[in-house]
Structure formats: C-alpha cells, structure tokens
PDB file of N, CA and C in Angstrom:
ATOM      1  N   MET A   1      88.061  95.382 118.388  1.00  0.00           N
ATOM      2  CA  MET A   1      89.204  94.876 117.659  1.00  0.00           C
ATOM      3  C   MET A   1      90.405  95.781 117.980  1.00  0.00           C
ATOM      4  N   ALA A   2      91.490  95.172 118.395  1.00  0.00           N
ATOM      5  CA  ALA A   2      92.679  95.933 118.776  1.00  0.00           C
ATOM      6  C   ALA A   2      93.455  96.386 117.541  1.00  0.00           C
ATOM      7  N   ASP A   3      93.990  97.590 117.629  1.00  0.00           N
ATOM      8  CA  ASP A   3      94.845  98.092 116.557  1.00  0.00           C
ATOM      9  C   ASP A   3      96.213  97.421 116.651  1.00  0.00           C
ATOM     10  N   ILE A   4      96.878  97.295 115.517  1.00  0.00           N
ATOM     11  CA  ILE A   4      98.209  96.696 115.434  1.00  0.00           C
ATOM     12  C   ILE A   4      99.234  97.815 115.347  1.00  0.00           C
ATOM     13  N   GLU A   5     100.227  97.797 116.226  1.00  0.00           N
ATOM     14  CA  GLU A   5     101.306  98.794 116.209  1.00  0.00           C
ATOM     15  C   GLU A   5     102.392  98.335 115.244  1.00  0.00           C
ATOM     16  N   LEU A   6     102.841  99.257 114.394  1.00  0.00           N
ATOM     17  CA  LEU A   6     103.925  98.960 113.462  1.00  0.00           C
ATOM     18  C   LEU A   6     104.874 100.153 113.421  1.00  0.00           C
ATOM     19  N   ASP A   7     106.053  99.977 114.002  1.00  0.00           N
ATOM     20  CA  ASP A   7     107.075 101.019 114.029  1.00  0.00           C
ATOM     21  C   ASP A   7     108.086 100.689 112.938  1.00  0.00           C
ATOM     22  N   VAL A   8     108.144 101.520 111.907  1.00  0.00           N
ATOM     23  CA  VAL A   8     109.030 101.236 110.769  1.00  0.00           C
ATOM     24  C   VAL A   8     110.330 102.036 110.801  1.00  0.00           C
ATOM     25  N   ARG A   9     110.583 102.755 111.867  1.00  0.00           N
ATOM     26  CA  ARG A   9     111.778 103.603 111.927  1.00  0.00           C
ATOM     27  C   ARG A   9     113.076 102.814 111.810  1.00  0.00           C
ATOM     28  N   GLU A  10     113.087 101.572 112.258  1.00  0.00           N
ATOM     29  CA  GLU A  10     114.309 100.764 112.191  1.00  0.00           C
ATOM     30  C   GLU A  10     114.360  99.858 110.957  1.00  0.00           C
ATOM     31  N   ILE A  11     113.317  99.862 110.163  1.00  0.00           N
ATOM     32  CA  ILE A  11     113.282  99.050 108.940  1.00  0.00           C
ATOM     33  C   ILE A  11     113.962  99.839 107.827  1.00  0.00           C
ATOM     34  N   PRO A  12     114.846  99.206 107.039  1.00  0.00           N
ATOM     35  CA  PRO A  12     115.475  99.935 105.927  1.00  0.00           C
ATOM     36  C   PRO A  12     114.413 100.534 104.999  1.00  0.00           C
ATOM     37  N   LYS A  13     114.651 101.771 104.561  1.00  0.00           N
ATOM     38  CA  LYS A  13     113.651 102.489 103.759  1.00  0.00           C
ATOM     39  C   LYS A  13     113.149 101.713 102.546  1.00  0.00           C
ATOM     40  N   PRO A  14     114.017 101.002 101.810  1.00  0.00           N
ATOM     41  CA  PRO A  14     113.485 100.276 100.641  1.00  0.00           C
ATOM     42  C   PRO A  14     112.472  99.182 100.996  1.00  0.00           C
ATOM     43  N   GLN A  15     112.434  98.755 102.248  1.00  0.00           N
ATOM     44  CA  GLN A  15     111.534  97.679 102.658  1.00  0.00           C
ATOM     45  C   GLN A  15     110.287  98.177 103.392  1.00  0.00           C
ATOM     46  N   ARG A  16     110.221  99.459 103.681  1.00  0.00           N
ATOM     47  CA  ARG A  16     109.131  99.967 104.518  1.00  0.00           C
ATOM     48  C   ARG A  16     107.748  99.812 103.889  1.00  0.00           C
ATOM     49  N   HIS A  17     107.570 100.266 102.654  1.00  0.00           N
ATOM     50  CA  HIS A  17     106.233 100.231 102.053  1.00  0.00           C
ATOM     51  C   HIS A  17     105.729  98.800 101.923  1.00  0.00           C
ATOM     52  N   SER A  18     106.587  97.888 101.475  1.00  0.00           N
ATOM     53  CA  SER A  18     106.128  96.504 101.324  1.00  0.00           C
ATOM     54  C   SER A  18     105.756  95.908 102.683  1.00  0.00           C
ATOM     55  N   THR A  19     106.499  96.239 103.722  1.00  0.00           N
ATOM     56  CA  THR A  19     106.179  95.767 105.071  1.00  0.00           C
ATOM     57  C   THR A  19     104.827  96.310 105.520  1.00  0.00           C
ATOM     58  N   ILE A  20     104.595  97.581 105.273  1.00  0.00           N
ATOM     59  CA  ILE A  20     103.338  98.219 105.680  1.00  0.00           C
ATOM     60  C   ILE A  20     102.157  97.631 104.911  1.00  0.00           C
ATOM     61  N   PHE A  21     102.293  97.486 103.599  1.00  0.00           N
ATOM     62  CA  PHE A  21     101.187  96.954 102.809  1.00  0.00           C
ATOM     63  C   PHE A  21     100.903  95.494 103.145  1.00  0.00           C
ATOM     64  N   THR A  22     101.937  94.716 103.425  1.00  0.00           N
ATOM     65  CA  THR A  22     101.722  93.320 103.825  1.00  0.00           C
ATOM     66  C   THR A  22     100.936  93.255 105.125  1.00  0.00           C
ATOM     67  N   ALA A  23     101.320  94.097 106.087  1.00  0.00           N
ATOM     68  CA  ALA A  23     100.595  94.127 107.363  1.00  0.00           C
ATOM     69  C   ALA A  23      99.159  94.604 107.162  1.00  0.00           C
ATOM     70  N   PHE A  24      98.964  95.659 106.378  1.00  0.00           N
ATOM     71  CA  PHE A  24      97.622  96.193 106.139  1.00  0.00           C
ATOM     72  C   PHE A  24      96.741  95.165 105.432  1.00  0.00           C
ATOM     73  N   ASP A  25      97.268  94.533 104.398  1.00  0.00           N
ATOM     74  CA  ASP A  25      96.476  93.573 103.631  1.00  0.00           C
ATOM     75  C   ASP A  25      96.054  92.376 104.482  1.00  0.00           C
ATOM     76  N   GLY A  26      96.828  92.069 105.529  1.00  0.00           N
ATOM     77  CA  GLY A  26      96.491  90.959 106.410  1.00  0.00           C
ATOM     78  C   GLY A  26      95.458  91.297 107.477  1.00  0.00           C
ATOM     79  N   LEU A  27      95.091  92.564 107.588  1.00  0.00           N
ATOM     80  CA  LEU A  27      94.113  92.982 108.595  1.00  0.00           C
ATOM     81  C   LEU A  27      92.692  92.591 108.185  1.00  0.00           C
ATOM     82  N   PRO A  28      91.857  92.273 109.154  1.00  0.00           N
ATOM     83  CA  PRO A  28      90.439  92.125 108.837  1.00  0.00           C
ATOM     84  C   PRO A  28      89.800  93.512 108.718  1.00  0.00           C
ATOM     85  N   VAL A  29      88.701  93.594 108.010  1.00  0.00           N
ATOM     86  CA  VAL A  29      87.978  94.861 107.907  1.00  0.00           C
ATOM     87  C   VAL A  29      87.583  95.303 109.308  1.00  0.00           C
ATOM     88  N   GLY A  30      87.798  96.579 109.597  1.00  0.00           N
ATOM     89  CA  GLY A  30      87.495  97.132 110.909  1.00  0.00           C
ATOM     90  C   GLY A  30      88.723  97.289 111.788  1.00  0.00           C
ATOM     91  N   ALA A  31      89.821  96.600 111.459  1.00  0.00           N
ATOM     92  CA  ALA A  31      91.067  96.714 112.221  1.00  0.00           C
ATOM     93  C   ALA A  31      91.903  97.850 111.651  1.00  0.00           C
ATOM     94  N   ALA A  32      92.971  98.188 112.339  1.00  0.00           N
ATOM     95  CA  ALA A  32      93.822  99.289 111.885  1.00  0.00           C
ATOM     96  C   ALA A  32      95.272  99.066 112.273  1.00  0.00           C
ATOM     97  N   LEU A  33      96.142  99.677 111.499  1.00  0.00           N
ATOM     98  CA  LEU A  33      97.562  99.778 111.841  1.00  0.00           C
ATOM     99  C   LEU A  33      97.776 101.134 112.488  1.00  0.00           C
ATOM    100  N   ILE A  34      98.583 101.160 113.538  1.00  0.00           N
ATOM    101  CA  ILE A  34      99.091 102.419 114.061  1.00  0.00           C
ATOM    102  C   ILE A  34     100.542 102.460 113.617  1.00  0.00           C
ATOM    103  N   LEU A  35     100.791 103.255 112.603  1.00  0.00           N
ATOM    104  CA  LEU A  35     102.111 103.339 111.982  1.00  0.00           C
ATOM    105  C   LEU A  35     102.933 104.417 112.669  1.00  0.00           C
ATOM    106  N   THR A  36     104.152 104.072 113.074  1.00  0.00           N
ATOM    107  CA  THR A  36     105.092 105.044 113.622  1.00  0.00           C
ATOM    108  C   THR A  36     106.239 105.170 112.634  1.00  0.00           C
ATOM    109  N   ASN A  37     106.539 106.418 112.261  1.00  0.00           N
ATOM    110  CA  ASN A  37     107.572 106.679 111.259  1.00  0.00           C
ATOM    111  C   ASN A  37     108.389 107.881 111.703  1.00  0.00           C
ATOM    112  N   ASP A  38     109.531 108.095 111.051  1.00  0.00           N
ATOM    113  CA  ASP A  38     110.399 109.217 111.407  1.00  0.00           C
ATOM    114  C   ASP A  38     110.141 110.452 110.548  1.00  0.00           C
ATOM    115  N   HIS A  39     109.155 110.379 109.656  1.00  0.00           N
ATOM    116  CA  HIS A  39     108.758 111.517 108.824  1.00  0.00           C
ATOM    117  C   HIS A  39     107.286 111.322 108.440  1.00  0.00           C
ATOM    118  N   TYR A  40     106.657 112.388 107.986  1.00  0.00           N
ATOM    119  CA  TYR A  40     105.274 112.236 107.540  1.00  0.00           C
ATOM    120  C   TYR A  40     105.278 111.432 106.240  1.00  0.00           C
ATOM    121  N   PRO A  41     104.567 110.313 106.183  1.00  0.00           N
ATOM    122  CA  PRO A  41     104.633 109.408 105.031  1.00  0.00           C
ATOM    123  C   PRO A  41     103.706 109.809 103.870  1.00  0.00           C
ATOM    124  N   GLN A  42     103.954 110.959 103.278  1.00  0.00           N
ATOM    125  CA  GLN A  42     103.105 111.440 102.182  1.00  0.00           C
ATOM    126  C   GLN A  42     103.116 110.491 100.983  1.00  0.00           C
ATOM    127  N   HIS A  43     104.308 109.983 100.615  1.00  0.00           N
ATOM    128  CA  HIS A  43     104.375 109.059  99.476  1.00  0.00           C
ATOM    129  C   HIS A  43     103.587 107.781  99.752  1.00  0.00           C
ATOM    130  N   LEU A  44     103.637 107.315 100.995  1.00  0.00           N
ATOM    131  CA  LEU A  44     102.856 106.140 101.367  1.00  0.00           C
ATOM    132  C   LEU A  44     101.361 106.437 101.254  1.00  0.00           C
ATOM    133  N   GLN A  45     100.947 107.594 101.708  1.00  0.00           N
ATOM    134  CA  GLN A  45      99.535 107.974 101.605  1.00  0.00           C
ATOM    135  C   GLN A  45      99.115 108.035 100.139  1.00  0.00           C
ATOM    136  N   ASP A  46      99.957 108.590  99.293  1.00  0.00           N
ATOM    137  CA  ASP A  46      99.659 108.640  97.857  1.00  0.00           C
ATOM    138  C   ASP A  46      99.541 107.236  97.277  1.00  0.00           C
ATOM    139  N   GLU A  47     100.411 106.328  97.727  1.00  0.00           N
ATOM    140  CA  GLU A  47     100.373 104.957  97.226  1.00  0.00           C
ATOM    141  C   GLU A  47      99.113 104.231  97.706  1.00  0.00           C
ATOM    142  N   PHE A  48      98.703 104.486  98.940  1.00  0.00           N
ATOM    143  CA  PHE A  48      97.439 103.914  99.420  1.00  0.00           C
ATOM    144  C   PHE A  48      96.287 104.394  98.540  1.00  0.00           C
ATOM    145  N   GLU A  49      96.271 105.673  98.222  1.00  0.00           N
ATOM    146  CA  GLU A  49      95.180 106.214  97.404  1.00  0.00           C
ATOM    147  C   GLU A  49      95.200 105.618  95.998  1.00  0.00           C
ATOM    148  N   ALA A  50      96.393 105.398  95.464  1.00  0.00           N
ATOM    149  CA  ALA A  50      96.500 104.850  94.109  1.00  0.00           C
ATOM    150  C   ALA A  50      96.149 103.368  94.049  1.00  0.00           C
ATOM    151  N   THR A  51      96.417 102.625  95.118  1.00  0.00           N
ATOM    152  CA  THR A  51      96.252 101.177  95.051  1.00  0.00           C
ATOM    153  C   THR A  51      95.120 100.606  95.898  1.00  0.00           C
ATOM    154  N   ARG A  52      94.635 101.372  96.878  1.00  0.00           N
ATOM    155  CA  ARG A  52      93.603 100.855  97.774  1.00  0.00           C
ATOM    156  C   ARG A  52      92.533 101.899  98.086  1.00  0.00           C
ATOM    157  N   ALA A  53      92.239 102.728  97.112  1.00  0.00           N
ATOM    158  CA  ALA A  53      91.233 103.795  97.299  1.00  0.00           C
ATOM    159  C   ALA A  53      89.912 103.192  97.757  1.00  0.00           C
ATOM    160  N   GLY A  54      89.328 103.805  98.767  1.00  0.00           N
ATOM    161  CA  GLY A  54      88.040 103.348  99.271  1.00  0.00           C
ATOM    162  C   GLY A  54      88.121 102.207 100.267  1.00  0.00           C
ATOM    163  N   ALA A  55      89.309 101.672 100.512  1.00  0.00           N
ATOM    164  CA  ALA A  55      89.450 100.528 101.411  1.00  0.00           C
ATOM    165  C   ALA A  55      90.207 100.876 102.687  1.00  0.00           C
ATOM    166  N   TYR A  56      90.529 102.170 102.869  1.00  0.00           N
ATOM    167  CA  TYR A  56      91.305 102.548 104.048  1.00  0.00           C
ATOM    168  C   TYR A  56      90.849 103.909 104.558  1.00  0.00           C
ATOM    169  N   ASP A  57      91.194 104.167 105.808  1.00  0.00           N
ATOM    170  CA  ASP A  57      90.935 105.455 106.449  1.00  0.00           C
ATOM    171  C   ASP A  57      92.266 105.932 107.034  1.00  0.00           C
ATOM    172  N   TRP A  58      92.691 107.131 106.702  1.00  0.00           N
ATOM    173  CA  TRP A  58      93.999 107.668 107.084  1.00  0.00           C
ATOM    174  C   TRP A  58      93.801 108.782 108.100  1.00  0.00           C
ATOM    175  N   ARG A  59      94.301 108.580 109.320  1.00  0.00           N
ATOM    176  CA  ARG A  59      94.142 109.591 110.369  1.00  0.00           C
ATOM    177  C   ARG A  59      95.463 109.859 111.078  1.00  0.00           C
ATOM    178  N   PRO A  60      96.050 111.029 110.838  1.00  0.00           N
ATOM    179  CA  PRO A  60      97.254 111.396 111.593  1.00  0.00           C
ATOM    180  C   PRO A  60      96.915 111.534 113.078  1.00  0.00           C
ATOM    181  N   LEU A  61      97.765 110.944 113.930  1.00  0.00           N
ATOM    182  CA  LEU A  61      97.569 111.011 115.372  1.00  0.00           C
ATOM    183  C   LEU A  61      98.592 111.935 116.034  1.00  0.00           C
ATOM    184  N   VAL A  62      99.857 111.822 115.615  1.00  0.00           N
ATOM    185  CA  VAL A  62     100.946 112.621 116.175  1.00  0.00           C
ATOM    186  C   VAL A  62     101.798 113.117 115.019  1.00  0.00           C
ATOM    187  N   ARG A  63     102.086 114.409 115.042  1.00  0.00           N
ATOM    188  CA  ARG A  63     103.000 115.000 114.061  1.00  0.00           C
ATOM    189  C   ARG A  63     104.036 115.783 114.845  1.00  0.00           C
ATOM    190  N   ASP A  64     105.190 115.162 115.060  1.00  0.00           N
ATOM    191  CA  ASP A  64     106.243 115.794 115.837  1.00  0.00           C
ATOM    192  C   ASP A  64     107.579 115.403 115.204  1.00  0.00           C
ATOM    193  N   HIS A  65     108.592 116.190 115.437  1.00  0.00           N
ATOM    194  CA  HIS A  65     109.908 115.925 114.865  1.00  0.00           C
ATOM    195  C   HIS A  65     110.352 114.491 115.160  1.00  0.00           C
ATOM    196  N   GLN A  66     110.620 113.709 114.131  1.00  0.00           N
ATOM    197  CA  GLN A  66     111.072 112.316 114.207  1.00  0.00           C
ATOM    198  C   GLN A  66     110.040 111.361 114.811  1.00  0.00           C
ATOM    199  N   ASP A  67     108.822 111.811 115.008  1.00  0.00           N
ATOM    200  CA  ASP A  67     107.789 110.950 115.584  1.00  0.00           C
ATOM    201  C   ASP A  67     106.448 111.266 114.924  1.00  0.00           C
ATOM    202  N   TYR A  68     106.108 110.466 113.954  1.00  0.00           N
ATOM    203  CA  TYR A  68     104.840 110.619 113.255  1.00  0.00           C
ATOM    204  C   TYR A  68     104.067 109.327 113.441  1.00  0.00           C
ATOM    205  N   ARG A  69     102.830 109.450 113.904  1.00  0.00           N
ATOM    206  CA  ARG A  69     101.970 108.285 114.091  1.00  0.00           C
ATOM    207  C   ARG A  69     100.696 108.494 113.294  1.00  0.00           C
ATOM    208  N   ILE A  70     100.380 107.482 112.510  1.00  0.00           N
ATOM    209  CA  ILE A  70      99.217 107.521 111.620  1.00  0.00           C
ATOM    210  C   ILE A  70      98.375 106.278 111.908  1.00  0.00           C
ATOM    211  N   ARG A  71      97.079 106.458 112.028  1.00  0.00           N
ATOM    212  CA  ARG A  71      96.172 105.312 112.132  1.00  0.00           C
ATOM    213  C   ARG A  71      95.633 105.044 110.732  1.00  0.00           C
ATOM    214  N   ILE A  72      95.918 103.845 110.220  1.00  0.00           N
ATOM    215  CA  ILE A  72      95.459 103.440 108.896  1.00  0.00           C
ATOM    216  C   ILE A  72      94.451 102.312 109.108  1.00  0.00           C
ATOM    217  N   GLY A  73      93.172 102.656 109.016  1.00  0.00           N
ATOM    218  CA  GLY A  73      92.121 101.684 109.245  1.00  0.00           C
ATOM    219  C   GLY A  73      91.699 100.995 107.960  1.00  0.00           C
ATOM    220  N   LYS A  74      91.367  99.732 108.066  1.00  0.00           N
ATOM    221  CA  LYS A  74      90.886  98.973 106.906  1.00  0.00           C
ATOM    222  C   LYS A  74      89.371  99.034 106.896  1.00  0.00           C
ATOM    223  N   THR A  75      88.815  99.703 105.903  1.00  0.00           N
ATOM    224  CA  THR A  75      87.371  99.905 105.831  1.00  0.00           C
ATOM    225  C   THR A  75      86.669  98.930 104.891  1.00  0.00           C
ATOM    226  N   ALA A  76      87.427  98.258 104.028  1.00  0.00           N
ATOM    227  CA  ALA A  76      86.850  97.302 103.080  1.00  0.00           C
ATOM    228  C   ALA A  76      87.960  96.403 102.555  1.00  0.00           C
ATOM    229  N   GLU A  77      87.569  95.236 102.076  1.00  0.00           N
ATOM    230  CA  GLU A  77      88.525  94.375 101.383  1.00  0.00           C
ATOM    231  C   GLU A  77      88.722  94.955  99.992  1.00  0.00           C
ATOM    232  N   ALA A  78      89.944  94.949  99.538  1.00  0.00           N
ATOM    233  CA  ALA A  78      90.229  95.461  98.194  1.00  0.00           C
ATOM    234  C   ALA A  78      91.391  94.693  97.613  1.00  0.00           C
ATOM    235  N   GLU A  79      91.290  94.368  96.356  1.00  0.00           N
ATOM    236  CA  GLU A  79      92.419  93.787  95.647  1.00  0.00           C
ATOM    237  C   GLU A  79      93.427  94.888  95.409  1.00  0.00           C
ATOM    238  N   PRO A  80      94.663  94.727  95.889  1.00  0.00           N
ATOM    239  CA  PRO A  80      95.661  95.762  95.598  1.00  0.00           C
ATOM    240  C   PRO A  80      95.822  95.923  94.094  1.00  0.00           C
ATOM    241  N   ALA A  81      95.769  97.142  93.627  1.00  0.00           N
ATOM    242  CA  ALA A  81      95.934  97.438  92.207  1.00  0.00           C
ATOM    243  C   ALA A  81      97.318  98.024  91.987  1.00  0.00           C
ATOM    244  N   ALA A  82      97.898  97.707  90.876  1.00  0.00           N
ATOM    245  CA  ALA A  82      99.166  98.325  90.512  1.00  0.00           C
ATOM    246  C   ALA A  82      98.880  99.778  90.161  1.00  0.00           C
ATOM    247  N   PRO A  83      99.673 100.729  90.682  1.00  0.00           N
ATOM    248  CA  PRO A  83      99.368 102.135  90.442  1.00  0.00           C
ATOM    249  C   PRO A  83      99.402 102.544  88.976  1.00  0.00           C
ATOM    250  N   ASP A  84     100.238 101.909  88.169  1.00  0.00           N
ATOM    251  CA  ASP A  84     100.367 102.324  86.769  1.00  0.00           C
ATOM    252  C   ASP A  84     100.252 101.149  85.810  1.00  0.00           C
ATOM    253  N   GLY A  85      99.552 100.136  86.185  1.00  0.00           N
ATOM    254  CA  GLY A  85      99.475  98.978  85.306  1.00  0.00           C
ATOM    255  C   GLY A  85      98.097  98.374  85.328  1.00  0.00           C
ATOM    256  N   PRO A  86      97.933  97.237  84.630  1.00  0.00           N
ATOM    257  CA  PRO A  86      96.640  96.566  84.609  1.00  0.00           C
ATOM    258  C   PRO A  86      96.366  95.933  85.962  1.00  0.00           C
ATOM    259  N   PRO A  87      95.119  95.671  86.286  1.00  0.00           N
ATOM    260  CA  PRO A  87      94.809  94.992  87.537  1.00  0.00           C
ATOM    261  C   PRO A  87      95.538  93.657  87.620  1.00  0.00           C
ATOM    262  N   ALA A  88      95.928  93.279  88.827  1.00  0.00           N
ATOM    263  CA  ALA A  88      96.694  92.055  89.026  1.00  0.00           C
ATOM    264  C   ALA A  88      95.915  90.819  88.597  1.00  0.00           C
ATOM    265  N   ASP A  89      94.579  90.880  88.612  1.00  0.00           N
ATOM    266  CA  ASP A  89      93.778  89.714  88.264  1.00  0.00           C
ATOM    267  C   ASP A  89      93.416  89.663  86.778  1.00  0.00           C
ATOM    268  N   ASN A  90      94.041  90.516  85.962  1.00  0.00           N
ATOM    269  CA  ASN A  90      93.746  90.532  84.536  1.00  0.00           C
ATOM    270  C   ASN A  90      95.034  90.433  83.728  1.00  0.00           C
ATOM    271  N   PRO A  91      95.667  89.243  83.726  1.00  0.00           N
ATOM    272  CA  PRO A  91      96.923  89.109  82.993  1.00  0.00           C
ATOM    273  C   PRO A  91      96.767  89.327  81.494  1.00  0.00           C
ATOM    274  N   ALA A  92      95.559  89.168  80.958  1.00  0.00           N
ATOM    275  CA  ALA A  92      95.358  89.383  79.526  1.00  0.00           C
ATOM    276  C   ALA A  92      95.586  90.836  79.137  1.00  0.00           C
ATOM    277  N   ALA A  93      95.423  91.737  80.091  1.00  0.00           N
ATOM    278  CA  ALA A  93      95.615  93.158  79.798  1.00  0.00           C
ATOM    279  C   ALA A  93      97.083  93.551  79.781  1.00  0.00           C
ATOM    280  N   ALA A  94      97.937  92.678  80.289  1.00  0.00           N
ATOM    281  CA  ALA A  94      99.369  92.976  80.331  1.00  0.00           C
ATOM    282  C   ALA A  94     100.026  92.551  79.025  1.00  0.00           C
ATOM    283  N   PRO A  95     101.028  93.299  78.568  1.00  0.00           N
ATOM    284  CA  PRO A  95     101.746  92.881  77.359  1.00  0.00           C
ATOM    285  C   PRO A  95     102.509  91.597  77.612  1.00  0.00           C
ATOM    286  N   ASP A  96     102.649  90.777  76.569  1.00  0.00           N
ATOM    287  CA  ASP A  96     103.349  89.500  76.698  1.00  0.00           C
ATOM    288  C   ASP A  96     104.855  89.673  76.796  1.00  0.00           C
ATOM    289  N   SER A  97     105.370  90.736  76.226  1.00  0.00           N
ATOM    290  CA  SER A  97     106.820  90.888  76.199  1.00  0.00           C
ATOM    291  C   SER A  97     107.190  92.354  76.021  1.00  0.00           C
ATOM    292  N   ALA A  98     108.467  92.608  76.196  1.00  0.00           N
ATOM    293  CA  ALA A  98     108.976  93.958  75.962  1.00  0.00           C
ATOM    294  C   ALA A  98     108.795  94.337  74.494  1.00  0.00           C
ATOM    295  N   GLN A  99     108.904  93.370  73.585  1.00  0.00           N
ATOM    296  CA  GLN A  99     108.719  93.659  72.156  1.00  0.00           C
ATOM    297  C   GLN A  99     107.292  94.130  71.886  1.00  0.00           C
ATOM    298  N   GLN A 100     106.319  93.547  72.563  1.00  0.00           N
ATOM    299  CA  GLN A 100     104.944  93.983  72.394  1.00  0.00           C
ATOM    300  C   GLN A 100     104.771  95.401  72.913  1.00  0.00           C
ATOM    301  N   LEU A 101     105.437  95.717  73.995  1.00  0.00           N
ATOM    302  CA  LEU A 101     105.387  97.088  74.516  1.00  0.00           C
ATOM    303  C   LEU A 101     105.907  98.061  73.487  1.00  0.00           C
ATOM    304  N   LEU A 102     107.035  97.740  72.872  1.00  0.00           N
ATOM    305  CA  LEU A 102     107.633  98.612  71.871  1.00  0.00           C
ATOM    306  C   LEU A 102     106.766  98.707  70.617  1.00  0.00           C
ATOM    307  N   ALA A 103     106.137  97.607  70.256  1.00  0.00           N
ATOM    308  CA  ALA A 103     105.306  97.603  69.062  1.00  0.00           C
ATOM    309  C   ALA A 103     104.051  98.447  69.234  1.00  0.00           C
ATOM    310  N   ASP A 104     103.620  98.622  70.487  1.00  0.00           N
ATOM    311  CA  ASP A 104     102.415  99.396  70.742  1.00  0.00           C
ATOM    312  C   ASP A 104     102.632 100.891  70.609  1.00  0.00           C
ATOM    313  N   ASP A 105     103.878 101.347  70.534  1.00  0.00           N
ATOM    314  CA  ASP A 105     104.157 102.786  70.444  1.00  0.00           C
ATOM    315  C   ASP A 105     103.812 103.368  69.120  1.00  0.00           C
TER     316      ASP A 105
END
C-alpha cells in the first residue's frame, strides 16, 4: 500500500489540522500519510493522541529547519473523539443548551 504525501506548508494554518485529519480518516488501515510541515507538529501529535489514541503510528522521518516530515500510519479504524467532550456518537451525553451547561455548575 502506497503512502500518501501531504505537504501542508502552503495551507493556511487555521485549516491545516482539519485537512490532515480528513486525509488520515480517509485512509484504509495499513496506509499512511507522509506529512511535510514547516515546524515540528507537536500540537498535532497531541491532538492525535487525544482523539485517535491506538489508531495511529507516529514516526518522525526528517527534522530539519523548515522541513519536517512525519509518517502517520493508520493502525486501526477509530471513531474520532472530541478531545474535551462527549463521544460524537452519544448525543445524549451532550447538554441540550447553554442554559443546561450553566445549570450544571
């Protein structure tokens, strides 16, 4: 299975993570993204751990000024989880409104 190259250096920063996760989520198990970035993506790695723990393999390939390449392999199918909220497939766990959020305090 061929790895997919994804160079995000020209993508606006606010759109990078969503672009990366969309590409990763579309991969079959066993495939990988080769991510090229202009900095080491520590926040992205933290987000992968928070939302897709156990479903990916993170391997730095190149660490050089303005050129960072990471191989992000898909090791299992996983439902993306919200890092600080209820699972996406459990709407009953989410509050119905902002008033309910305030009432829970």
